[in-house]
Amino acid sequence: MEQVVRLASQLGALLQTERRRRSMSQTDLASKVGTHQKTISAIENGSEGVKLETLLGIIAALDLDMQIVPRRKVGKSIEDIF
């Protein structure tokens, strides 16, 4: 599964889907990461201001990888025309 994420709400929804796919509760995931259930809830609801360390811990606990790639261009640029 590859998915483009550009918003906190998109990332939260993706993490929630993956957590549920693994039949984990928010409390289970929080325990595995070493954080609180309310933190997991906030992230899944798209709350901003999350510590990077916590986010990376959640990604690892869900056995996911994060990949940073250049954005795809939607339209042609002037350089593509000439």
C-alpha atoms as a PDB file:
ATOM      1  CA  MET A   1       0.000   0.000   0.000  1.00  0.00           C
ATOM      2  CA  GLU A   2       1.309   3.395  -0.992  1.00  0.00           C
ATOM      3  CA  GLN A   3      -0.597   6.516  -0.131  1.00  0.00           C
ATOM      4  CA  VAL A   4       0.154  10.194  -0.537  1.00  0.00           C
ATOM      5  CA  VAL A   5      -0.314  12.123   2.694  1.00  0.00           C
ATOM      6  CA  ARG A   6      -0.209  15.906   2.755  1.00  0.00           C
ATOM      7  CA  LEU A   7      -2.409  16.764   5.729  1.00  0.00           C
ATOM      8  CA  ALA A   8      -2.402  15.785   9.396  1.00  0.00           C
ATOM      9  CA  SER A   9      -5.973  14.533   8.997  1.00  0.00           C
ATOM     10  CA  GLN A  10      -4.928  12.234   6.132  1.00  0.00           C
ATOM     11  CA  LEU A  11      -2.075  10.803   8.178  1.00  0.00           C
ATOM     12  CA  GLY A  12      -4.351  10.289  11.161  1.00  0.00           C
ATOM     13  CA  ALA A  13      -6.936   8.446   9.073  1.00  0.00           C
ATOM     14  CA  LEU A  14      -4.250   6.238   7.536  1.00  0.00           C
ATOM     15  CA  LEU A  15      -2.790   5.345  10.938  1.00  0.00           C
ATOM     16  CA  GLN A  16      -6.250   4.612  12.321  1.00  0.00           C
ATOM     17  CA  THR A  17      -7.024   2.316   9.382  1.00  0.00           C
ATOM     18  CA  GLU A  18      -3.753   0.437   9.858  1.00  0.00           C
ATOM     19  CA  ARG A  19      -4.280   0.133  13.627  1.00  0.00           C
ATOM     20  CA  ARG A  20      -7.760  -1.271  13.127  1.00  0.00           C
ATOM     21  CA  ARG A  21      -6.540  -3.623  10.390  1.00  0.00           C
ATOM     22  CA  ARG A  22      -4.213  -5.095  13.002  1.00  0.00           C
ATOM     23  CA  SER A  23      -7.107  -5.405  15.505  1.00  0.00           C
ATOM     24  CA  MET A  24      -5.369  -3.077  17.960  1.00  0.00           C
ATOM     25  CA  SER A  25      -7.118  -0.662  20.270  1.00  0.00           C
ATOM     26  CA  GLN A  26      -5.790   2.846  20.788  1.00  0.00           C
ATOM     27  CA  THR A  27      -4.720   1.723  24.266  1.00  0.00           C
ATOM     28  CA  ASP A  28      -2.821  -1.259  22.822  1.00  0.00           C
ATOM     29  CA  LEU A  29      -0.968   0.974  20.385  1.00  0.00           C
ATOM     30  CA  ALA A  30      -0.252   3.607  23.023  1.00  0.00           C
ATOM     31  CA  SER A  31       1.199   0.968  25.324  1.00  0.00           C
ATOM     32  CA  LYS A  32       3.400  -0.388  22.554  1.00  0.00           C
ATOM     33  CA  VAL A  33       4.679   3.111  21.725  1.00  0.00           C
ATOM     34  CA  GLY A  34       5.015   4.296  25.316  1.00  0.00           C
ATOM     35  CA  THR A  35       2.470   7.099  25.155  1.00  0.00           C
ATOM     36  CA  HIS A  36      -1.128   7.720  26.236  1.00  0.00           C
ATOM     37  CA  GLN A  37      -4.354   6.641  24.537  1.00  0.00           C
ATOM     38  CA  LYS A  38      -5.426  10.277  24.248  1.00  0.00           C
ATOM     39  CA  THR A  39      -2.281  10.980  22.212  1.00  0.00           C
ATOM     40  CA  ILE A  40      -3.192   8.222  19.745  1.00  0.00           C
ATOM     41  CA  SER A  41      -6.724   9.600  19.550  1.00  0.00           C
ATOM     42  CA  ALA A  42      -5.456  13.130  18.876  1.00  0.00           C
ATOM     43  CA  ILE A  43      -3.151  11.924  16.094  1.00  0.00           C
ATOM     44  CA  GLU A  44      -5.894   9.850  14.472  1.00  0.00           C
ATOM     45  CA  ASN A  45      -8.170  12.903  14.570  1.00  0.00           C
ATOM     46  CA  GLY A  46      -5.601  14.982  12.683  1.00  0.00           C
ATOM     47  CA  SER A  47      -4.386  17.055  15.585  1.00  0.00           C
ATOM     48  CA  GLU A  48      -1.262  19.043  14.776  1.00  0.00           C
ATOM     49  CA  GLY A  49       1.706  19.551  17.067  1.00  0.00           C
ATOM     50  CA  VAL A  50       2.617  15.909  17.621  1.00  0.00           C
ATOM     51  CA  LYS A  51       6.186  15.070  18.570  1.00  0.00           C
ATOM     52  CA  LEU A  52       8.094  13.553  15.682  1.00  0.00           C
ATOM     53  CA  GLU A  53       9.480  10.857  17.995  1.00  0.00           C
ATOM     54  CA  THR A  54       5.932   9.791  18.915  1.00  0.00           C
ATOM     55  CA  LEU A  55       4.822   9.727  15.295  1.00  0.00           C
ATOM     56  CA  LEU A  56       7.833   7.661  14.231  1.00  0.00           C
ATOM     57  CA  GLY A  57       7.156   5.271  17.122  1.00  0.00           C
ATOM     58  CA  ILE A  58       3.574   4.781  15.959  1.00  0.00           C
ATOM     59  CA  ILE A  59       4.693   4.165  12.387  1.00  0.00           C
ATOM     60  CA  ALA A  60       7.209   1.564  13.587  1.00  0.00           C
ATOM     61  CA  ALA A  61       4.698  -0.085  15.944  1.00  0.00           C
ATOM     62  CA  LEU A  62       2.307  -0.502  13.032  1.00  0.00           C
ATOM     63  CA  ASP A  63       5.131  -2.028  10.958  1.00  0.00           C
ATOM     64  CA  LEU A  64       4.997   0.789   8.418  1.00  0.00           C
ATOM     65  CA  ASP A  65       7.675   2.860   6.695  1.00  0.00           C
ATOM     66  CA  MET A  66       7.560   6.539   5.886  1.00  0.00           C
ATOM     67  CA  GLN A  67       9.033   7.693   2.603  1.00  0.00           C
ATOM     68  CA  ILE A  68       9.670  11.305   1.637  1.00  0.00           C
ATOM     69  CA  VAL A  69       9.569  11.933  -2.114  1.00  0.00           C
ATOM     70  CA  PRO A  70       9.310  15.009  -4.328  1.00  0.00           C
ATOM     71  CA  ARG A  71       5.752  16.120  -5.008  1.00  0.00           C
ATOM     72  CA  ARG A  72       4.319  15.138  -8.334  1.00  0.00           C
ATOM     73  CA  LYS A  73       3.420  18.064 -10.520  1.00  0.00           C
ATOM     74  CA  VAL A  74      -0.249  18.264 -11.427  1.00  0.00           C
ATOM     75  CA  GLY A  75       0.063  20.320 -14.600  1.00  0.00           C
ATOM     76  CA  LYS A  76       2.744  21.068 -17.116  1.00  0.00           C
ATOM     77  CA  SER A  77       5.272  23.740 -16.336  1.00  0.00           C
ATOM     78  CA  ILE A  78       6.417  26.258 -18.924  1.00  0.00           C
ATOM     79  CA  GLU A  79       9.685  24.311 -19.287  1.00  0.00           C
ATOM     80  CA  ASP A  80       7.706  21.242 -20.444  1.00  0.00           C
ATOM     81  CA  ILE A  81       6.131  23.209 -23.268  1.00  0.00           C
ATOM     82  CA  PHE A  82       9.313  24.637 -24.812  1.00  0.00           C
END
